[in-house]
C-alpha atoms as a PDB file:
ATOM      1  CA  MET A   1     130.153  43.649  31.604  1.00  0.00           C
ATOM      2  CA  ILE A   2     131.746  42.324  34.757  1.00  0.00           C
ATOM      3  CA  THR A   3     134.073  39.390  34.200  1.00  0.00           C
ATOM      4  CA  TRP A   4     133.643  36.272  36.290  1.00  0.00           C
ATOM      5  CA  LEU A   5     137.133  36.242  37.752  1.00  0.00           C
ATOM      6  CA  ASN A   6     136.905  39.892  38.907  1.00  0.00           C
ATOM      7  CA  ALA A   7     133.838  40.058  39.938  1.00  0.00           C
ATOM      8  CA  CYS A   8     108.499  34.240  84.945  1.00  0.00           C
ATOM      9  CA  PHE A   9     105.668  34.949  87.802  1.00  0.00           C
ATOM     10  CA  SER A  10     105.484  33.879  91.498  1.00  0.00           C
ATOM     11  CA  PRO A  11     102.786  31.195  92.221  1.00  0.00           C
ATOM     12  CA  ASP A  12     101.771  33.105  95.370  1.00  0.00           C
ATOM     13  CA  LEU A  13     100.032  35.591  93.127  1.00  0.00           C
ATOM     14  CA  PHE A  14      97.483  32.912  92.154  1.00  0.00           C
ATOM     15  CA  PRO A  15      95.386  31.650  95.106  1.00  0.00           C
ATOM     16  CA  ALA A  16      93.629  28.765  93.365  1.00  0.00           C
ATOM     17  CA  ALA A  17      95.842  25.707  92.876  1.00  0.00           C
ATOM     18  CA  PRO A  18      94.369  24.609  89.504  1.00  0.00           C
ATOM     19  CA  ILE A  19      94.902  28.089  88.130  1.00  0.00           C
ATOM     20  CA  ARG A  20      98.475  28.099  89.450  1.00  0.00           C
ATOM     21  CA  VAL A  21      99.155  24.800  87.681  1.00  0.00           C
ATOM     22  CA  CYS A  22      97.730  26.055  84.383  1.00  0.00           C
ATOM     23  CA  VAL A  23      99.685  29.292  84.528  1.00  0.00           C
ATOM     24  CA  LEU A  24     102.911  27.524  85.418  1.00  0.00           C
ATOM     25  CA  LEU A  25     102.445  25.058  82.589  1.00  0.00           C
ATOM     26  CA  PHE A  26     101.833  27.926  80.178  1.00  0.00           C
ATOM     27  CA  LEU A  27     104.920  29.757  81.399  1.00  0.00           C
ATOM     28  CA  PHE A  28     107.036  26.632  81.124  1.00  0.00           C
ATOM     29  CA  ALA A  29     105.897  26.085  77.550  1.00  0.00           C
ATOM     30  CA  SER A  30     106.548  29.725  76.690  1.00  0.00           C
ATOM     31  CA  CYS A  31     109.994  29.785  78.279  1.00  0.00           C
ATOM     32  CA  SER A  32     111.019  26.457  76.767  1.00  0.00           C
ATOM     33  CA  ARG A  33     110.241  27.542  73.197  1.00  0.00           C
ATOM     34  CA  PRO A  34     113.394  29.036  71.658  1.00  0.00           C
ATOM     35  CA  GLU A  35     113.212  32.564  70.372  1.00  0.00           C
ATOM     36  CA  PRO A  36     113.153  32.726  66.574  1.00  0.00           C
ATOM     37  CA  GLU A  37     116.241  34.090  64.917  1.00  0.00           C
ATOM     38  CA  ILE A  38     115.392  37.226  62.960  1.00  0.00           C
ATOM     39  CA  GLY A  39     117.319  37.870  59.770  1.00  0.00           C
ATOM     40  CA  PHE A  40     117.122  40.333  56.913  1.00  0.00           C
ATOM     41  CA  TYR A  41     117.820  40.259  53.230  1.00  0.00           C
ATOM     42  CA  TYR A  42     119.996  43.062  51.877  1.00  0.00           C
ATOM     43  CA  TRP A  43     119.271  43.334  48.167  1.00  0.00           C
ATOM     44  CA  LYS A  44     121.340  46.304  47.011  1.00  0.00           C
ATOM     45  CA  SER A  45     124.648  46.044  45.199  1.00  0.00           C
ATOM     46  CA  THR A  46     126.434  48.554  47.430  1.00  0.00           C
ATOM     47  CA  PHE A  47     126.354  47.546  51.083  1.00  0.00           C
ATOM     48  CA  LYS A  48     126.102  50.604  53.293  1.00  0.00           C
ATOM     49  CA  LEU A  49     123.949  50.682  56.418  1.00  0.00           C
ATOM     50  CA  THR A  50     122.163  53.885  57.343  1.00  0.00           C
ATOM     51  CA  GLU A  51     121.789  54.905  60.977  1.00  0.00           C
ATOM     52  CA  THR A  52     118.118  53.834  60.933  1.00  0.00           C
ATOM     53  CA  GLU A  53     118.973  50.438  59.467  1.00  0.00           C
ATOM     54  CA  GLN A  54     121.764  49.927  62.003  1.00  0.00           C
ATOM     55  CA  GLN A  55     119.458  50.854  64.890  1.00  0.00           C
ATOM     56  CA  ALA A  56     116.837  48.389  63.661  1.00  0.00           C
ATOM     57  CA  LEU A  57     119.407  45.584  63.498  1.00  0.00           C
ATOM     58  CA  ASP A  58     120.676  46.422  66.987  1.00  0.00           C
ATOM     59  CA  THR A  59     117.167  46.617  68.457  1.00  0.00           C
ATOM     60  CA  LEU A  60     116.192  43.256  66.977  1.00  0.00           C
ATOM     61  CA  LEU A  61     119.529  41.610  67.888  1.00  0.00           C
ATOM     62  CA  VAL A  62     120.009  40.573  64.270  1.00  0.00           C
ATOM     63  CA  LYS A  63     123.146  38.578  63.635  1.00  0.00           C
ATOM     64  CA  ARG A  64     122.522  37.149  60.154  1.00  0.00           C
ATOM     65  CA  LEU A  65     122.207  39.125  56.939  1.00  0.00           C
ATOM     66  CA  TYR A  66     121.396  37.523  53.597  1.00  0.00           C
ATOM     67  CA  VAL A  67     123.263  39.734  51.151  1.00  0.00           C
ATOM     68  CA  LYS A  68     122.891  39.517  47.387  1.00  0.00           C
ATOM     69  CA  PHE A  69     126.418  39.093  46.041  1.00  0.00           C
ATOM     70  CA  LEU A  70     125.587  38.555  42.400  1.00  0.00           C
ATOM     71  CA  ASP A  71     122.891  38.329  39.728  1.00  0.00           C
ATOM     72  CA  VAL A  72     123.279  35.834  36.902  1.00  0.00           C
ATOM     73  CA  ASP A  73     121.378  36.322  33.653  1.00  0.00           C
ATOM     74  CA  VAL A  74     121.873  35.568  29.974  1.00  0.00           C
ATOM     75  CA  GLU A  75     123.036  37.805  27.159  1.00  0.00           C
ATOM     76  CA  ALA A  76     123.391  36.561  23.612  1.00  0.00           C
ATOM     77  CA  GLY A  77     122.885  33.018  24.867  1.00  0.00           C
ATOM     78  CA  ALA A  78     125.682  33.154  27.455  1.00  0.00           C
ATOM     79  CA  ALA A  79     125.407  33.366  31.231  1.00  0.00           C
ATOM     80  CA  VAL A  80     126.857  36.625  32.529  1.00  0.00           C
ATOM     81  CA  PRO A  81     127.391  38.077  36.020  1.00  0.00           C
ATOM     82  CA  LYS A  82     125.622  41.304  36.924  1.00  0.00           C
ATOM     83  CA  ALA A  83     125.422  43.722  39.852  1.00  0.00           C
ATOM     84  CA  PRO A  84     128.297  42.290  41.942  1.00  0.00           C
ATOM     85  CA  ILE A  85     128.355  43.309  45.606  1.00  0.00           C
ATOM     86  CA  ARG A  86     130.543  46.101  46.937  1.00  0.00           C
ATOM     87  CA  PHE A  87     131.389  46.878  50.562  1.00  0.00           C
ATOM     88  CA  PRO A  88     132.899  50.385  50.198  1.00  0.00           C
ATOM     89  CA  GLN A  89     133.077  50.810  53.975  1.00  0.00           C
ATOM     90  CA  GLY A  90     134.065  47.219  54.663  1.00  0.00           C
ATOM     91  CA  VAL A  91     131.970  44.473  56.166  1.00  0.00           C
ATOM     92  CA  PRO A  92     130.378  45.561  59.461  1.00  0.00           C
ATOM     93  CA  ALA A  93     131.539  43.563  62.463  1.00  0.00           C
ATOM     94  CA  GLY A  94     129.181  41.353  64.422  1.00  0.00           C
ATOM     95  CA  TYR A  95     127.188  39.878  61.542  1.00  0.00           C
ATOM     96  CA  GLN A  96     127.281  36.540  59.814  1.00  0.00           C
ATOM     97  CA  ILE A  97     127.017  37.422  56.132  1.00  0.00           C
ATOM     98  CA  VAL A  98     125.227  34.858  53.953  1.00  0.00           C
ATOM     99  CA  PRO A  99     126.190  35.390  50.303  1.00  0.00           C
ATOM    100  CA  CYS A 100     123.161  35.055  48.027  1.00  0.00           C
ATOM    101  CA  VAL A 101     123.181  34.542  44.280  1.00  0.00           C
ATOM    102  CA  PHE A 102     120.106  35.292  42.195  1.00  0.00           C
ATOM    103  CA  ILE A 103     119.915  33.321  38.935  1.00  0.00           C
ATOM    104  CA  THR A 104     117.173  33.909  36.400  1.00  0.00           C
ATOM    105  CA  ASN A 105     115.260  30.853  35.302  1.00  0.00           C
ATOM    106  CA  ARG A 106     115.986  31.710  31.669  1.00  0.00           C
ATOM    107  CA  THR A 107     119.677  31.218  32.406  1.00  0.00           C
ATOM    108  CA  PHE A 108     118.984  27.501  32.713  1.00  0.00           C
ATOM    109  CA  GLN A 109     116.620  27.536  29.743  1.00  0.00           C
ATOM    110  CA  GLU A 110     119.605  28.324  27.553  1.00  0.00           C
ATOM    111  CA  LYS A 111     122.040  25.571  26.698  1.00  0.00           C
ATOM    112  CA  GLN A 112     124.437  26.341  29.547  1.00  0.00           C
ATOM    113  CA  ASN A 113     126.817  23.871  31.126  1.00  0.00           C
ATOM    114  CA  PRO A 114     125.453  23.983  34.700  1.00  0.00           C
ATOM    115  CA  GLU A 115     128.611  22.540  36.234  1.00  0.00           C
ATOM    116  CA  ALA A 116     130.837  25.092  34.477  1.00  0.00           C
ATOM    117  CA  LEU A 117     128.441  27.844  35.594  1.00  0.00           C
ATOM    118  CA  ALA A 118     128.634  26.589  39.179  1.00  0.00           C
ATOM    119  CA  GLU A 119     132.438  26.742  39.054  1.00  0.00           C
ATOM    120  CA  LYS A 120     132.361  30.348  37.804  1.00  0.00           C
ATOM    121  CA  VAL A 121     129.863  31.408  40.468  1.00  0.00           C
ATOM    122  CA  TRP A 122     131.787  29.631  43.219  1.00  0.00           C
ATOM    123  CA  ASP A 123     135.050  31.180  42.091  1.00  0.00           C
ATOM    124  CA  PHE A 124     133.449  34.632  42.219  1.00  0.00           C
ATOM    125  CA  LEU A 125     132.127  33.993  45.735  1.00  0.00           C
ATOM    126  CA  GLN A 126     135.508  32.820  47.005  1.00  0.00           C
ATOM    127  CA  GLN A 127     137.248  35.844  45.519  1.00  0.00           C
ATOM    128  CA  ALA A 128     134.688  38.096  47.234  1.00  0.00           C
ATOM    129  CA  ASN A 129     135.269  36.264  50.514  1.00  0.00           C
ATOM    130  CA  THR A 130     139.004  36.811  50.220  1.00  0.00           C
ATOM    131  CA  ARG A 131     138.629  40.469  49.261  1.00  0.00           C
ATOM    132  CA  TYR A 132     136.323  41.278  52.174  1.00  0.00           C
ATOM    133  CA  GLY A 133     137.683  38.876  54.791  1.00  0.00           C
ATOM    134  CA  LEU A 134     134.543  36.718  54.995  1.00  0.00           C
ATOM    135  CA  GLN A 135     134.130  33.145  56.193  1.00  0.00           C
ATOM    136  CA  PRO A 136     130.465  32.347  55.470  1.00  0.00           C
ATOM    137  CA  ASP A 137     128.790  29.431  57.188  1.00  0.00           C
ATOM    138  CA  GLU A 138     125.964  29.461  54.629  1.00  0.00           C
ATOM    139  CA  TYR A 139     125.430  30.274  50.966  1.00  0.00           C
ATOM    140  CA  GLN A 140     121.998  30.746  49.435  1.00  0.00           C
ATOM    141  CA  PHE A 141     120.919  30.362  45.817  1.00  0.00           C
ATOM    142  CA  ASP A 142     117.772  32.010  44.527  1.00  0.00           C
ATOM    143  CA  CYS A 143     116.188  30.715  41.333  1.00  0.00           C
ATOM    144  CA  ASP A 144     112.516  30.237  40.477  1.00  0.00           C
ATOM    145  CA  TRP A 145     113.200  27.019  38.620  1.00  0.00           C
ATOM    146  CA  SER A 146     110.540  25.256  36.571  1.00  0.00           C
ATOM    147  CA  PRO A 147     110.046  21.586  35.610  1.00  0.00           C
ATOM    148  CA  SER A 148     111.928  22.246  32.361  1.00  0.00           C
ATOM    149  CA  THR A 149     114.961  23.754  34.143  1.00  0.00           C
ATOM    150  CA  ARG A 150     114.899  21.515  37.204  1.00  0.00           C
ATOM    151  CA  GLN A 151     117.612  19.129  36.020  1.00  0.00           C
ATOM    152  CA  ALA A 152     120.030  21.885  35.013  1.00  0.00           C
ATOM    153  CA  TYR A 153     119.522  23.874  38.227  1.00  0.00           C
ATOM    154  CA  PHE A 154     119.850  20.819  40.448  1.00  0.00           C
ATOM    155  CA  THR A 155     123.027  19.794  38.595  1.00  0.00           C
ATOM    156  CA  PHE A 156     124.335  23.302  39.265  1.00  0.00           C
ATOM    157  CA  LEU A 157     123.587  22.895  42.997  1.00  0.00           C
ATOM    158  CA  GLN A 158     125.171  19.445  43.117  1.00  0.00           C
ATOM    159  CA  ARG A 159     128.375  20.878  41.698  1.00  0.00           C
ATOM    160  CA  ILE A 160     128.237  23.693  44.271  1.00  0.00           C
ATOM    161  CA  ASN A 161     127.958  21.051  46.975  1.00  0.00           C
ATOM    162  CA  ARG A 162     131.088  19.310  45.715  1.00  0.00           C
ATOM    163  CA  LEU A 163     133.004  22.577  45.618  1.00  0.00           C
ATOM    164  CA  ASN A 164     131.793  23.602  49.063  1.00  0.00           C
ATOM    165  CA  SER A 165     133.635  22.626  52.216  1.00  0.00           C
ATOM    166  CA  GLY A 166     131.857  22.938  55.538  1.00  0.00           C
ATOM    167  CA  ALA A 167     129.300  25.647  54.879  1.00  0.00           C
ATOM    168  CA  SER A 168     125.565  25.060  54.643  1.00  0.00           C
ATOM    169  CA  ILE A 169     123.908  25.406  51.240  1.00  0.00           C
ATOM    170  CA  SER A 170     120.346  26.732  51.093  1.00  0.00           C
ATOM    171  CA  ALA A 171     117.894  27.574  48.336  1.00  0.00           C
ATOM    172  CA  THR A 172     114.818  29.725  48.109  1.00  0.00           C
ATOM    173  CA  ILE A 173     111.527  27.858  47.721  1.00  0.00           C
ATOM    174  CA  ARG A 174     108.601  29.512  45.947  1.00  0.00           C
ATOM    175  CA  LEU A 175     105.049  28.677  46.940  1.00  0.00           C
ATOM    176  CA  HIS A 176     104.334  26.560  43.857  1.00  0.00           C
ATOM    177  CA  GLN A 177     107.498  24.557  44.528  1.00  0.00           C
ATOM    178  CA  TYR A 178     106.508  24.105  48.178  1.00  0.00           C
ATOM    179  CA  ARG A 179     103.017  22.860  47.318  1.00  0.00           C
ATOM    180  CA  ASP A 180     104.062  20.313  44.719  1.00  0.00           C
ATOM    181  CA  PRO A 181     107.582  18.971  45.383  1.00  0.00           C
ATOM    182  CA  GLY A 182     106.758  15.786  43.504  1.00  0.00           C
ATOM    183  CA  ARG A 183     106.398  17.753  40.275  1.00  0.00           C
ATOM    184  CA  THR A 184     108.970  20.491  40.770  1.00  0.00           C
ATOM    185  CA  GLY A 185     111.498  18.421  42.693  1.00  0.00           C
ATOM    186  CA  VAL A 186     113.383  19.178  45.901  1.00  0.00           C
ATOM    187  CA  PRO A 187     116.717  20.958  45.458  1.00  0.00           C
ATOM    188  CA  PRO A 188     119.824  19.088  46.704  1.00  0.00           C
ATOM    189  CA  VAL A 189     120.607  21.515  49.540  1.00  0.00           C
ATOM    190  CA  ASP A 190     120.704  21.490  53.342  1.00  0.00           C
ATOM    191  CA  LYS A 191     117.681  23.722  53.901  1.00  0.00           C
ATOM    192  CA  GLY A 192     115.306  26.093  52.171  1.00  0.00           C
ATOM    193  CA  THR A 193     113.674  29.472  52.667  1.00  0.00           C
ATOM    194  CA  LEU A 194     109.965  29.650  51.875  1.00  0.00           C
ATOM    195  CA  MET A 195     109.384  32.968  50.124  1.00  0.00           C
ATOM    196  CA  TYR A 196     105.898  34.004  51.220  1.00  0.00           C
ATOM    197  CA  TYR A 197     105.345  36.860  48.803  1.00  0.00           C
ATOM    198  CA  ASN A 198     104.875  37.547  45.076  1.00  0.00           C
ATOM    199  CA  MET A 199     102.023  35.047  44.932  1.00  0.00           C
ATOM    200  CA  GLY A 200      99.740  36.967  42.558  1.00  0.00           C
ATOM    201  CA  ASP A 201      99.911  37.607  38.833  1.00  0.00           C
ATOM    202  CA  ILE A 202     102.141  40.657  38.520  1.00  0.00           C
ATOM    203  CA  GLU A 203     101.507  40.798  34.762  1.00  0.00           C
ATOM    204  CA  ASN A 204      97.733  41.165  35.217  1.00  0.00           C
ATOM    205  CA  VAL A 205      96.556  44.768  35.272  1.00  0.00           C
ATOM    206  CA  GLN A 206      93.373  43.595  37.053  1.00  0.00           C
ATOM    207  CA  GLU A 207      95.292  41.944  39.929  1.00  0.00           C
ATOM    208  CA  THR A 208      94.531  43.456  43.342  1.00  0.00           C
ATOM    209  CA  ASN A 209      97.835  42.758  45.119  1.00  0.00           C
ATOM    210  CA  SER A 210     100.422  40.471  43.563  1.00  0.00           C
ATOM    211  CA  LEU A 211     102.821  41.132  46.421  1.00  0.00           C
ATOM    212  CA  LEU A 212     100.823  39.700  49.343  1.00  0.00           C
ATOM    213  CA  ASN A 213      97.489  37.957  48.875  1.00  0.00           C
ATOM    214  CA  ASN A 214      96.650  35.510  51.658  1.00  0.00           C
ATOM    215  CA  GLU A 215      93.644  34.053  49.868  1.00  0.00           C
ATOM    216  CA  LYS A 216      95.989  32.873  47.140  1.00  0.00           C
ATOM    217  CA  GLY A 217      98.959  32.239  49.389  1.00  0.00           C
ATOM    218  CA  PHE A 218      97.181  30.036  51.920  1.00  0.00           C
ATOM    219  CA  ALA A 219      96.006  27.765  49.109  1.00  0.00           C
ATOM    220  CA  TYR A 220      99.644  26.795  48.520  1.00  0.00           C
ATOM    221  CA  LEU A 221     100.345  25.803  52.130  1.00  0.00           C
ATOM    222  CA  ALA A 222     100.148  22.029  52.255  1.00  0.00           C
ATOM    223  CA  ASP A 223      99.439  20.066  55.425  1.00  0.00           C
ATOM    224  CA  SER A 224     102.311  17.656  54.778  1.00  0.00           C
ATOM    225  CA  ALA A 225     105.892  18.461  55.705  1.00  0.00           C
ATOM    226  CA  TYR A 226     108.262  19.705  53.018  1.00  0.00           C
ATOM    227  CA  PRO A 227     111.341  17.448  52.623  1.00  0.00           C
ATOM    228  CA  LEU A 228     113.689  20.265  53.774  1.00  0.00           C
ATOM    229  CA  PRO A 229     113.746  22.347  56.957  1.00  0.00           C
ATOM    230  CA  LEU A 230     112.460  25.783  56.062  1.00  0.00           C
ATOM    231  CA  ASP A 231     113.118  29.297  57.203  1.00  0.00           C
ATOM    232  CA  VAL A 232     110.242  31.628  56.302  1.00  0.00           C
ATOM    233  CA  ALA A 233     110.620  34.985  54.548  1.00  0.00           C
ATOM    234  CA  LEU A 234     107.973  37.730  54.732  1.00  0.00           C
ATOM    235  CA  PRO A 235     107.847  40.966  52.696  1.00  0.00           C
ATOM    236  CA  ILE A 236     108.333  44.449  54.140  1.00  0.00           C
ATOM    237  CA  PHE A 237     108.673  46.311  50.860  1.00  0.00           C
ATOM    238  CA  SER A 238     106.335  48.027  48.436  1.00  0.00           C
ATOM    239  CA  TRP A 239     106.312  49.103  44.827  1.00  0.00           C
ATOM    240  CA  ALA A 240     104.314  50.785  42.082  1.00  0.00           C
ATOM    241  CA  LEU A 241     103.623  48.685  39.011  1.00  0.00           C
ATOM    242  CA  ALA A 242     103.239  50.604  35.768  1.00  0.00           C
ATOM    243  CA  TYR A 243     101.061  49.127  33.005  1.00  0.00           C
ATOM    244  CA  ARG A 244     101.058  50.380  29.434  1.00  0.00           C
ATOM    245  CA  LEU A 245      98.338  49.241  27.046  1.00  0.00           C
ATOM    246  CA  GLY A 246      97.468  46.489  29.525  1.00  0.00           C
ATOM    247  CA  ASP A 247     101.004  45.088  29.822  1.00  0.00           C
ATOM    248  CA  LEU A 248     103.429  45.460  32.715  1.00  0.00           C
ATOM    249  CA  ALA A 249     105.948  48.070  31.625  1.00  0.00           C
ATOM    250  CA  MET A 250     108.050  48.754  34.724  1.00  0.00           C
ATOM    251  CA  ILE A 251     108.409  48.156  38.446  1.00  0.00           C
ATOM    252  CA  ILE A 252     109.084  51.274  40.517  1.00  0.00           C
ATOM    253  CA  ASN A 253     110.413  50.774  44.048  1.00  0.00           C
ATOM    254  CA  LEU A 254     108.290  53.062  46.188  1.00  0.00           C
ATOM    255  CA  ALA A 255     107.848  53.212  49.958  1.00  0.00           C
ATOM    256  CA  ASP A 256     105.403  56.101  50.303  1.00  0.00           C
ATOM    257  CA  GLN A 257     102.025  56.072  48.570  1.00  0.00           C
ATOM    258  CA  LYS A 258     101.654  59.787  49.333  1.00  0.00           C
ATOM    259  CA  LEU A 259     104.070  60.472  46.476  1.00  0.00           C
ATOM    260  CA  LEU A 260     101.392  59.112  44.168  1.00  0.00           C
ATOM    261  CA  ASP A 261      98.549  60.884  45.955  1.00  0.00           C
ATOM    262  CA  ASN A 262     100.306  64.239  45.711  1.00  0.00           C
ATOM    263  CA  GLU A 263     101.483  63.936  42.123  1.00  0.00           C
ATOM    264  CA  PRO A 264      99.486  66.381  39.927  1.00  0.00           C
ATOM    265  CA  HIS A 265     100.154  64.349  36.779  1.00  0.00           C
ATOM    266  CA  LEU A 266      98.224  61.392  38.232  1.00  0.00           C
ATOM    267  CA  GLU A 267      94.499  60.796  38.644  1.00  0.00           C
ATOM    268  CA  LYS A 268      93.553  58.471  41.498  1.00  0.00           C
ATOM    269  CA  ILE A 269      90.870  56.077  40.256  1.00  0.00           C
ATOM    270  CA  SER A 270      90.786  53.658  43.213  1.00  0.00           C
ATOM    271  CA  SER A 271      92.473  53.282  46.592  1.00  0.00           C
ATOM    272  CA  VAL A 272      95.689  52.013  44.974  1.00  0.00           C
ATOM    273  CA  VAL A 273      95.318  52.616  41.221  1.00  0.00           C
ATOM    274  CA  TYR A 274      96.294  55.795  39.359  1.00  0.00           C
ATOM    275  CA  ARG A 275      96.022  56.941  35.748  1.00  0.00           C
ATOM    276  CA  VAL A 276      98.692  59.106  34.103  1.00  0.00           C
ATOM    277  CA  LYS A 277      97.071  62.324  32.831  1.00  0.00           C
ATOM    278  CA  GLU A 278     100.025  63.465  30.725  1.00  0.00           C
ATOM    279  CA  ASN A 279     103.550  62.356  29.897  1.00  0.00           C
ATOM    280  CA  PHE A 280     106.052  62.994  32.699  1.00  0.00           C
ATOM    281  CA  TYR A 281     108.971  61.579  34.651  1.00  0.00           C
ATOM    282  CA  PHE A 282     108.246  59.882  37.979  1.00  0.00           C
ATOM    283  CA  GLU A 283     111.025  58.575  40.234  1.00  0.00           C
ATOM    284  CA  GLY A 284     113.320  58.487  37.205  1.00  0.00           C
ATOM    285  CA  TYR A 285     110.834  56.620  34.970  1.00  0.00           C
ATOM    286  CA  TYR A 286     109.123  58.119  31.938  1.00  0.00           C
ATOM    287  CA  LEU A 287     105.375  57.535  32.028  1.00  0.00           C
ATOM    288  CA  ASN A 288     102.973  58.024  29.149  1.00  0.00           C
ATOM    289  CA  GLU A 289      99.499  59.465  29.208  1.00  0.00           C
ATOM    290  CA  GLY A 290      97.053  56.643  29.852  1.00  0.00           C
ATOM    291  CA  ASP A 291      99.518  54.425  31.746  1.00  0.00           C
ATOM    292  CA  LEU A 292      98.116  52.860  34.908  1.00  0.00           C
ATOM    293  CA  LEU A 293     100.003  52.615  38.211  1.00  0.00           C
ATOM    294  CA  ARG A 294      99.055  50.178  40.977  1.00  0.00           C
ATOM    295  CA  PHE A 295     100.626  50.634  44.398  1.00  0.00           C
ATOM    296  CA  GLU A 296     101.190  47.361  46.227  1.00  0.00           C
ATOM    297  CA  TYR A 297     102.295  46.920  49.813  1.00  0.00           C
ATOM    298  CA  PRO A 298     101.985  44.267  52.559  1.00  0.00           C
ATOM    299  CA  ASP A 299      99.211  45.415  54.883  1.00  0.00           C
ATOM    300  CA  LYS A 300     100.169  44.900  58.543  1.00  0.00           C
ATOM    301  CA  GLN A 301      97.014  42.971  59.359  1.00  0.00           C
ATOM    302  CA  ARG A 302      97.613  40.690  56.387  1.00  0.00           C
ATOM    303  CA  LEU A 303     101.189  40.129  57.535  1.00  0.00           C
ATOM    304  CA  GLU A 304      99.884  39.099  60.967  1.00  0.00           C
ATOM    305  CA  GLU A 305      97.439  36.694  59.336  1.00  0.00           C
ATOM    306  CA  ALA A 306     100.263  35.253  57.259  1.00  0.00           C
ATOM    307  CA  ALA A 307     102.563  34.810  60.258  1.00  0.00           C
ATOM    308  CA  SER A 308      99.779  33.125  62.240  1.00  0.00           C
ATOM    309  CA  ARG A 309      99.166  30.647  59.419  1.00  0.00           C
ATOM    310  CA  LEU A 310     102.819  30.045  58.582  1.00  0.00           C
ATOM    311  CA  ARG A 311     103.634  29.067  62.157  1.00  0.00           C
ATOM    312  CA  LYS A 312     101.598  25.900  61.515  1.00  0.00           C
ATOM    313  CA  ILE A 313     103.620  24.523  58.624  1.00  0.00           C
ATOM    314  CA  LYS A 314     105.359  21.359  59.687  1.00  0.00           C
ATOM    315  CA  SER A 315     108.725  21.990  58.064  1.00  0.00           C
ATOM    316  CA  LYS A 316     109.529  25.400  59.536  1.00  0.00           C
ATOM    317  CA  SER A 317     112.826  25.914  61.314  1.00  0.00           C
ATOM    318  CA  GLY A 318     111.515  28.739  63.485  1.00  0.00           C
ATOM    319  CA  ASN A 319     113.770  31.316  61.833  1.00  0.00           C
ATOM    320  CA  ILE A 320     112.092  34.299  60.206  1.00  0.00           C
ATOM    321  CA  LEU A 321     113.605  36.488  57.489  1.00  0.00           C
ATOM    322  CA  PHE A 322     112.363  39.802  56.135  1.00  0.00           C
ATOM    323  CA  PHE A 323     112.790  41.121  52.619  1.00  0.00           C
ATOM    324  CA  HIS A 324     114.371  43.527  52.676  1.00  0.00           C
ATOM    325  CA  LEU A 325     116.484  45.881  54.791  1.00  0.00           C
ATOM    326  CA  ASP A 326     116.037  49.417  53.465  1.00  0.00           C
ATOM    327  CA  GLU A 327     115.450  52.558  55.524  1.00  0.00           C
ATOM    328  CA  PRO A 328     112.150  53.665  53.924  1.00  0.00           C
ATOM    329  CA  PHE A 329     110.645  50.230  54.510  1.00  0.00           C
ATOM    330  CA  ILE A 330     112.006  50.005  58.060  1.00  0.00           C
ATOM    331  CA  GLN A 331     110.207  53.259  58.774  1.00  0.00           C
ATOM    332  CA  ASN A 332     106.956  51.687  57.553  1.00  0.00           C
ATOM    333  CA  TYR A 333     107.540  48.419  59.433  1.00  0.00           C
ATOM    334  CA  PRO A 334     109.487  49.397  62.576  1.00  0.00           C
ATOM    335  CA  PRO A 335     111.363  46.993  64.871  1.00  0.00           C
ATOM    336  CA  GLY A 336     108.452  46.669  67.307  1.00  0.00           C
ATOM    337  CA  PHE A 337     106.198  45.355  64.561  1.00  0.00           C
ATOM    338  CA  ILE A 338     108.940  43.100  63.179  1.00  0.00           C
ATOM    339  CA  ARG A 339     109.426  41.584  66.636  1.00  0.00           C
ATOM    340  CA  HIS A 340     105.659  41.130  66.920  1.00  0.00           C
ATOM    341  CA  LEU A 341     105.563  39.143  63.692  1.00  0.00           C
ATOM    342  CA  ALA A 342     108.559  37.045  64.738  1.00  0.00           C
ATOM    343  CA  GLY A 343     106.705  36.180  67.951  1.00  0.00           C
ATOM    344  CA  TYR A 344     104.317  34.004  65.942  1.00  0.00           C
ATOM    345  CA  PHE A 345     107.194  31.649  65.176  1.00  0.00           C
END
């Protein structure tokens, strides 16, 4: 276990004056709208960019990376740090690194002292900053809090605010928290990131796509403005969900569905669902005969629909983030498509 302390066109081209006026007005509106800032999440514990990932960042002029520095969970009733970040090749120049901390909701369900937890987390972050020569201008905290853990989590954030000096503090906002801030509360932070993914029931073997489902997702998008300015995060990852006896047994990160199609131990029973024919290992996971696998991914057309709808929310900052930066997913969602989606904002 890791210890806390160590761890434009010429008008002459348009002969009719009314048309010229309309075109010029359109161009003025287009040119006056600032370009959205594109950012990526980096959700691996060892930070090391591949050539493909670096090229994507360069092509998209990305300057901000949201990097998971730490997980916090509970063991034997105590909050413990897990999966601390490592930069074995150092921090790449030219990027503003935003340290992110993921905290499970059950951490706050236990009888933790949220202020003491905040001090431990903050101390870890400052030690990491010193070790890697970082001066973050933002920190982000990721917790799917519930009404029962709201007070503890918000107390944690308030203590973080008192410890902080100068940097912005942000928090992730799930769709249910966005739709009903009166019930779930608004975190005491400077801004939020609306996480537009994982809106289905991942535990349900009958679910079609828990990762991206616009019919469900759009129902959460209120017409009123959220009390915080919001960046928006869209998914560019995929996975295979394994169900055993009707219950979710494991989540397998998987970029290429062809691995499932070509696996002789699997029987394809629908476009995205497979049945295990006999016990075997797949991608390091042991699967039993009769297990069901469902491949989930964000369809490009559905991502376009989502971006078109999300541009209308009244609280958006205009910044767009993608979860997450990983070469297999970048190959599926290349920079040209990423830029296309960002154009909606």
